[in-house]
């Protein structure tokens, strides 16, 4: 979709990634306005502020790592993000915290718990398997973090989901 819109407006680009496109030349304000209008119809926006772009890249890396990377390798998050962006992690974490009001680590944990809730909902994996998939050191660590974020243990969340399903089926 992004590629089609860039090509439609004859805007040259080098690289397209999730949430990011490298425009190879400066574009005039008229083309930029048209592109912005095209993107807005799709619920997207153009970011031209360097800090906003870096924050979006960090968020996209985490989302990709947690939700879409099937191999989801066990990585040191700080090293992984710094390497992907070719920037110092100290700089990245300070910027992220300043702009978002939460740490990169907290954003990562929140996404891991969302992924865990999704996996629990589909009921195809045990809680131990989910903890392993999300690279928790133990089921206890996973359970503690899950409860800290959601307010309930994963086993209780799983039971609540099952009870809701039974109640819905009886209607």
C-alpha atoms as a PDB file:
ATOM      1  CA  UNK A   1       0.000   0.000   0.000  1.00  0.00           C
ATOM      2  CA  UNK A   2       2.791   2.461   0.896  1.00  0.00           C
ATOM      3  CA  UNK A   3       4.780   1.419  -2.169  1.00  0.00           C
ATOM      4  CA  UNK A   4       1.741   1.977  -4.410  1.00  0.00           C
ATOM      5  CA  UNK A   5       1.156   5.462  -3.005  1.00  0.00           C
ATOM      6  CA  UNK A   6       4.819   6.431  -3.407  1.00  0.00           C
ATOM      7  CA  UNK A   7       4.891   5.096  -6.970  1.00  0.00           C
ATOM      8  CA  UNK A   8       1.584   6.817  -7.817  1.00  0.00           C
ATOM      9  CA  UNK A   9       3.097  10.167  -6.852  1.00  0.00           C
ATOM     10  CA  UNK A  10       6.426   9.320  -8.559  1.00  0.00           C
ATOM     11  CA  UNK A  11       8.346   9.643  -5.303  1.00  0.00           C
ATOM     12  CA  UNK A  12      11.616   7.669  -5.414  1.00  0.00           C
ATOM     13  CA  UNK A  13      12.456   5.480  -2.422  1.00  0.00           C
ATOM     14  CA  UNK A  14      15.152   2.987  -1.422  1.00  0.00           C
ATOM     15  CA  UNK A  15      13.877   0.952   1.449  1.00  0.00           C
ATOM     16  CA  UNK A  16      10.480   0.064   2.855  1.00  0.00           C
ATOM     17  CA  UNK A  17      10.139  -1.577   6.272  1.00  0.00           C
ATOM     18  CA  UNK A  18       7.263  -1.915   8.687  1.00  0.00           C
ATOM     19  CA  UNK A  19       6.290   1.686   9.409  1.00  0.00           C
ATOM     20  CA  UNK A  20       9.260   3.229   7.629  1.00  0.00           C
ATOM     21  CA  UNK A  21      10.286   4.308   4.125  1.00  0.00           C
ATOM     22  CA  UNK A  22      13.544   5.913   2.952  1.00  0.00           C
ATOM     23  CA  UNK A  23      12.764   8.661   0.448  1.00  0.00           C
ATOM     24  CA  UNK A  24      15.820   9.089  -1.790  1.00  0.00           C
ATOM     25  CA  UNK A  25      15.329  12.720  -2.850  1.00  0.00           C
ATOM     26  CA  UNK A  26      13.846  15.812  -1.302  1.00  0.00           C
ATOM     27  CA  UNK A  27      10.264  16.158  -2.407  1.00  0.00           C
ATOM     28  CA  UNK A  28       8.469  19.431  -2.960  1.00  0.00           C
ATOM     29  CA  UNK A  29       5.778  20.598  -0.568  1.00  0.00           C
ATOM     30  CA  UNK A  30       2.989  19.886  -3.062  1.00  0.00           C
ATOM     31  CA  UNK A  31       3.972  16.220  -3.416  1.00  0.00           C
ATOM     32  CA  UNK A  32       4.477  15.951   0.331  1.00  0.00           C
ATOM     33  CA  UNK A  33       0.992  17.348   0.946  1.00  0.00           C
ATOM     34  CA  UNK A  34      -0.518  14.892  -1.573  1.00  0.00           C
ATOM     35  CA  UNK A  35       1.349  11.993  -0.002  1.00  0.00           C
ATOM     36  CA  UNK A  36       0.223  13.057   3.464  1.00  0.00           C
ATOM     37  CA  UNK A  37      -3.405  13.247   2.251  1.00  0.00           C
ATOM     38  CA  UNK A  38      -3.099   9.768   0.674  1.00  0.00           C
ATOM     39  CA  UNK A  39      -1.693   8.336   3.908  1.00  0.00           C
ATOM     40  CA  UNK A  40      -4.334   9.988   6.085  1.00  0.00           C
ATOM     41  CA  UNK A  41      -7.069   8.152   4.175  1.00  0.00           C
ATOM     42  CA  UNK A  42      -5.378   4.933   5.355  1.00  0.00           C
ATOM     43  CA  UNK A  43      -4.939   6.138   8.943  1.00  0.00           C
ATOM     44  CA  UNK A  44      -1.200   6.753   8.491  1.00  0.00           C
ATOM     45  CA  UNK A  45       0.901   9.847   8.950  1.00  0.00           C
ATOM     46  CA  UNK A  46       4.260  11.120   7.801  1.00  0.00           C
ATOM     47  CA  UNK A  47       6.851  11.640  10.496  1.00  0.00           C
ATOM     48  CA  UNK A  48       9.621  14.033   9.647  1.00  0.00           C
ATOM     49  CA  UNK A  49      10.878  14.680  13.158  1.00  0.00           C
ATOM     50  CA  UNK A  50      14.043  12.649  13.797  1.00  0.00           C
ATOM     51  CA  UNK A  51      13.066  11.737  17.372  1.00  0.00           C
ATOM     52  CA  UNK A  52       9.583  10.590  16.323  1.00  0.00           C
ATOM     53  CA  UNK A  53      11.119   8.463  13.582  1.00  0.00           C
ATOM     54  CA  UNK A  54      13.572   6.810  15.994  1.00  0.00           C
ATOM     55  CA  UNK A  55      10.764   6.103  18.492  1.00  0.00           C
ATOM     56  CA  UNK A  56       8.628   4.519  15.762  1.00  0.00           C
ATOM     57  CA  UNK A  57      11.561   2.377  14.666  1.00  0.00           C
ATOM     58  CA  UNK A  58      12.070   1.127  18.236  1.00  0.00           C
ATOM     59  CA  UNK A  59       8.371   0.340  18.579  1.00  0.00           C
ATOM     60  CA  UNK A  60       8.338  -1.483  15.241  1.00  0.00           C
ATOM     61  CA  UNK A  61      11.391  -3.564  16.164  1.00  0.00           C
ATOM     62  CA  UNK A  62       9.716  -4.664  19.399  1.00  0.00           C
ATOM     63  CA  UNK A  63       6.378  -5.379  17.738  1.00  0.00           C
ATOM     64  CA  UNK A  64       8.091  -7.386  15.012  1.00  0.00           C
ATOM     65  CA  UNK A  65      10.199  -9.294  17.540  1.00  0.00           C
ATOM     66  CA  UNK A  66       7.317 -10.185  19.859  1.00  0.00           C
ATOM     67  CA  UNK A  67       4.357 -10.608  17.526  1.00  0.00           C
ATOM     68  CA  UNK A  68       5.659 -11.602  14.101  1.00  0.00           C
ATOM     69  CA  UNK A  69       9.111 -13.161  14.297  1.00  0.00           C
ATOM     70  CA  UNK A  70       8.364 -16.881  14.307  1.00  0.00           C
ATOM     71  CA  UNK A  71      11.968 -17.745  15.102  1.00  0.00           C
ATOM     72  CA  UNK A  72      11.896 -15.101  17.861  1.00  0.00           C
ATOM     73  CA  UNK A  73      15.507 -15.706  18.859  1.00  0.00           C
ATOM     74  CA  UNK A  74      16.604 -15.304  22.432  1.00  0.00           C
ATOM     75  CA  UNK A  75      18.353 -11.941  22.271  1.00  0.00           C
ATOM     76  CA  UNK A  76      19.604  -9.252  24.553  1.00  0.00           C
ATOM     77  CA  UNK A  77      17.009  -6.590  23.773  1.00  0.00           C
ATOM     78  CA  UNK A  78      19.304  -3.610  24.273  1.00  0.00           C
ATOM     79  CA  UNK A  79      22.014  -5.052  22.014  1.00  0.00           C
ATOM     80  CA  UNK A  80      19.439  -6.118  19.427  1.00  0.00           C
ATOM     81  CA  UNK A  81      17.815  -2.679  19.158  1.00  0.00           C
ATOM     82  CA  UNK A  82      21.144  -0.808  19.204  1.00  0.00           C
ATOM     83  CA  UNK A  83      22.483  -3.074  16.454  1.00  0.00           C
ATOM     84  CA  UNK A  84      19.351  -2.754  14.310  1.00  0.00           C
ATOM     85  CA  UNK A  85      19.370   1.048  14.527  1.00  0.00           C
ATOM     86  CA  UNK A  86      23.152   1.536  14.623  1.00  0.00           C
ATOM     87  CA  UNK A  87      22.727   3.851  17.593  1.00  0.00           C
ATOM     88  CA  UNK A  88      23.865   3.784  21.225  1.00  0.00           C
ATOM     89  CA  UNK A  89      21.307   2.068  23.451  1.00  0.00           C
ATOM     90  CA  UNK A  90      21.781   4.658  26.211  1.00  0.00           C
ATOM     91  CA  UNK A  91      20.738   7.366  23.773  1.00  0.00           C
ATOM     92  CA  UNK A  92      17.792   5.274  22.557  1.00  0.00           C
ATOM     93  CA  UNK A  93      16.471   4.425  26.004  1.00  0.00           C
ATOM     94  CA  UNK A  94      16.761   8.017  27.227  1.00  0.00           C
ATOM     95  CA  UNK A  95      14.954   9.315  24.137  1.00  0.00           C
ATOM     96  CA  UNK A  96      12.228   6.662  24.341  1.00  0.00           C
ATOM     97  CA  UNK A  97      11.589   7.297  28.040  1.00  0.00           C
ATOM     98  CA  UNK A  98      11.572  11.067  27.555  1.00  0.00           C
ATOM     99  CA  UNK A  99       9.103  10.934  24.650  1.00  0.00           C
ATOM    100  CA  UNK A 100       6.880   7.994  25.679  1.00  0.00           C
ATOM    101  CA  UNK A 101       7.023   8.250  29.473  1.00  0.00           C
ATOM    102  CA  UNK A 102       7.923   4.554  29.762  1.00  0.00           C
ATOM    103  CA  UNK A 103      11.106   2.592  29.254  1.00  0.00           C
ATOM    104  CA  UNK A 104      11.862   0.453  26.225  1.00  0.00           C
ATOM    105  CA  UNK A 105      11.922  -2.528  28.570  1.00  0.00           C
ATOM    106  CA  UNK A 106       8.419  -1.739  29.866  1.00  0.00           C
ATOM    107  CA  UNK A 107       7.108  -1.355  26.312  1.00  0.00           C
ATOM    108  CA  UNK A 108       8.677  -4.736  25.480  1.00  0.00           C
ATOM    109  CA  UNK A 109       7.163  -6.405  28.552  1.00  0.00           C
ATOM    110  CA  UNK A 110       3.733  -4.951  27.760  1.00  0.00           C
ATOM    111  CA  UNK A 111       3.910  -6.481  24.278  1.00  0.00           C
ATOM    112  CA  UNK A 112       5.092  -9.823  25.625  1.00  0.00           C
ATOM    113  CA  UNK A 113       2.099  -9.902  27.974  1.00  0.00           C
ATOM    114  CA  UNK A 114      -0.268  -8.968  25.125  1.00  0.00           C
ATOM    115  CA  UNK A 115       1.202 -11.841  23.106  1.00  0.00           C
ATOM    116  CA  UNK A 116       0.795 -14.143  26.120  1.00  0.00           C
ATOM    117  CA  UNK A 117      -2.873 -13.130  26.451  1.00  0.00           C
ATOM    118  CA  UNK A 118      -3.366 -13.883  22.764  1.00  0.00           C
ATOM    119  CA  UNK A 119      -1.723 -17.302  23.105  1.00  0.00           C
ATOM    120  CA  UNK A 120      -3.796 -18.081  26.215  1.00  0.00           C
ATOM    121  CA  UNK A 121      -6.953 -17.008  24.410  1.00  0.00           C
ATOM    122  CA  UNK A 122      -6.347 -19.411  21.518  1.00  0.00           C
ATOM    123  CA  UNK A 123      -5.672 -22.182  24.047  1.00  0.00           C
ATOM    124  CA  UNK A 124      -3.217 -24.085  21.849  1.00  0.00           C
ATOM    125  CA  UNK A 125      -0.232 -23.888  24.197  1.00  0.00           C
ATOM    126  CA  UNK A 126       0.290 -24.625  27.874  1.00  0.00           C
ATOM    127  CA  UNK A 127       1.383 -21.807  30.162  1.00  0.00           C
ATOM    128  CA  UNK A 128       4.843 -23.388  30.333  1.00  0.00           C
ATOM    129  CA  UNK A 129       5.076 -23.416  26.534  1.00  0.00           C
ATOM    130  CA  UNK A 130       3.949 -19.778  26.406  1.00  0.00           C
ATOM    131  CA  UNK A 131       6.627 -18.820  28.945  1.00  0.00           C
ATOM    132  CA  UNK A 132       9.230 -20.591  26.791  1.00  0.00           C
ATOM    133  CA  UNK A 133       8.006 -19.001  23.546  1.00  0.00           C
ATOM    134  CA  UNK A 134       8.288 -15.564  25.142  1.00  0.00           C
ATOM    135  CA  UNK A 135      11.742 -16.388  26.579  1.00  0.00           C
ATOM    136  CA  UNK A 136      10.918 -16.150  30.255  1.00  0.00           C
ATOM    137  CA  UNK A 137      13.538 -17.749  32.488  1.00  0.00           C
ATOM    138  CA  UNK A 138      10.824 -19.680  34.344  1.00  0.00           C
ATOM    139  CA  UNK A 139       7.076 -20.116  34.577  1.00  0.00           C
ATOM    140  CA  UNK A 140       7.234 -18.323  37.941  1.00  0.00           C
ATOM    141  CA  UNK A 141       8.868 -15.255  36.358  1.00  0.00           C
ATOM    142  CA  UNK A 142       6.278 -15.292  33.574  1.00  0.00           C
ATOM    143  CA  UNK A 143       3.409 -15.639  36.063  1.00  0.00           C
ATOM    144  CA  UNK A 144       4.705 -12.825  38.275  1.00  0.00           C
ATOM    145  CA  UNK A 145       5.148 -10.457  35.347  1.00  0.00           C
ATOM    146  CA  UNK A 146       1.755 -11.394  33.879  1.00  0.00           C
ATOM    147  CA  UNK A 147       0.037 -10.740  37.208  1.00  0.00           C
ATOM    148  CA  UNK A 148       1.893  -7.460  37.704  1.00  0.00           C
ATOM    149  CA  UNK A 149       0.644  -6.182  34.321  1.00  0.00           C
ATOM    150  CA  UNK A 150      -2.879  -7.660  34.204  1.00  0.00           C
ATOM    151  CA  UNK A 151      -3.740  -7.962  37.883  1.00  0.00           C
ATOM    152  CA  UNK A 152      -4.417 -11.707  37.592  1.00  0.00           C
ATOM    153  CA  UNK A 153      -2.249 -14.804  37.262  1.00  0.00           C
ATOM    154  CA  UNK A 154      -2.134 -16.421  33.807  1.00  0.00           C
ATOM    155  CA  UNK A 155      -3.956 -19.497  35.147  1.00  0.00           C
ATOM    156  CA  UNK A 156      -6.779 -17.273  36.430  1.00  0.00           C
ATOM    157  CA  UNK A 157      -6.856 -15.399  33.108  1.00  0.00           C
ATOM    158  CA  UNK A 158      -7.125 -18.737  31.293  1.00  0.00           C
ATOM    159  CA  UNK A 159      -9.940 -19.855  33.600  1.00  0.00           C
ATOM    160  CA  UNK A 160     -11.801 -16.536  33.147  1.00  0.00           C
ATOM    161  CA  UNK A 161     -11.554 -16.939  29.375  1.00  0.00           C
ATOM    162  CA  UNK A 162     -12.943 -20.469  29.576  1.00  0.00           C
ATOM    163  CA  UNK A 163     -15.809 -19.381  31.858  1.00  0.00           C
ATOM    164  CA  UNK A 164     -16.730 -16.533  29.505  1.00  0.00           C
ATOM    165  CA  UNK A 165     -16.741 -18.959  26.589  1.00  0.00           C
ATOM    166  CA  UNK A 166     -19.054 -21.330  28.488  1.00  0.00           C
ATOM    167  CA  UNK A 167     -21.374 -18.452  29.423  1.00  0.00           C
ATOM    168  CA  UNK A 168     -21.523 -17.244  25.816  1.00  0.00           C
ATOM    169  CA  UNK A 169     -22.210 -20.751  24.528  1.00  0.00           C
ATOM    170  CA  UNK A 170     -25.139 -21.103  26.960  1.00  0.00           C
ATOM    171  CA  UNK A 171     -26.874 -17.991  25.643  1.00  0.00           C
END
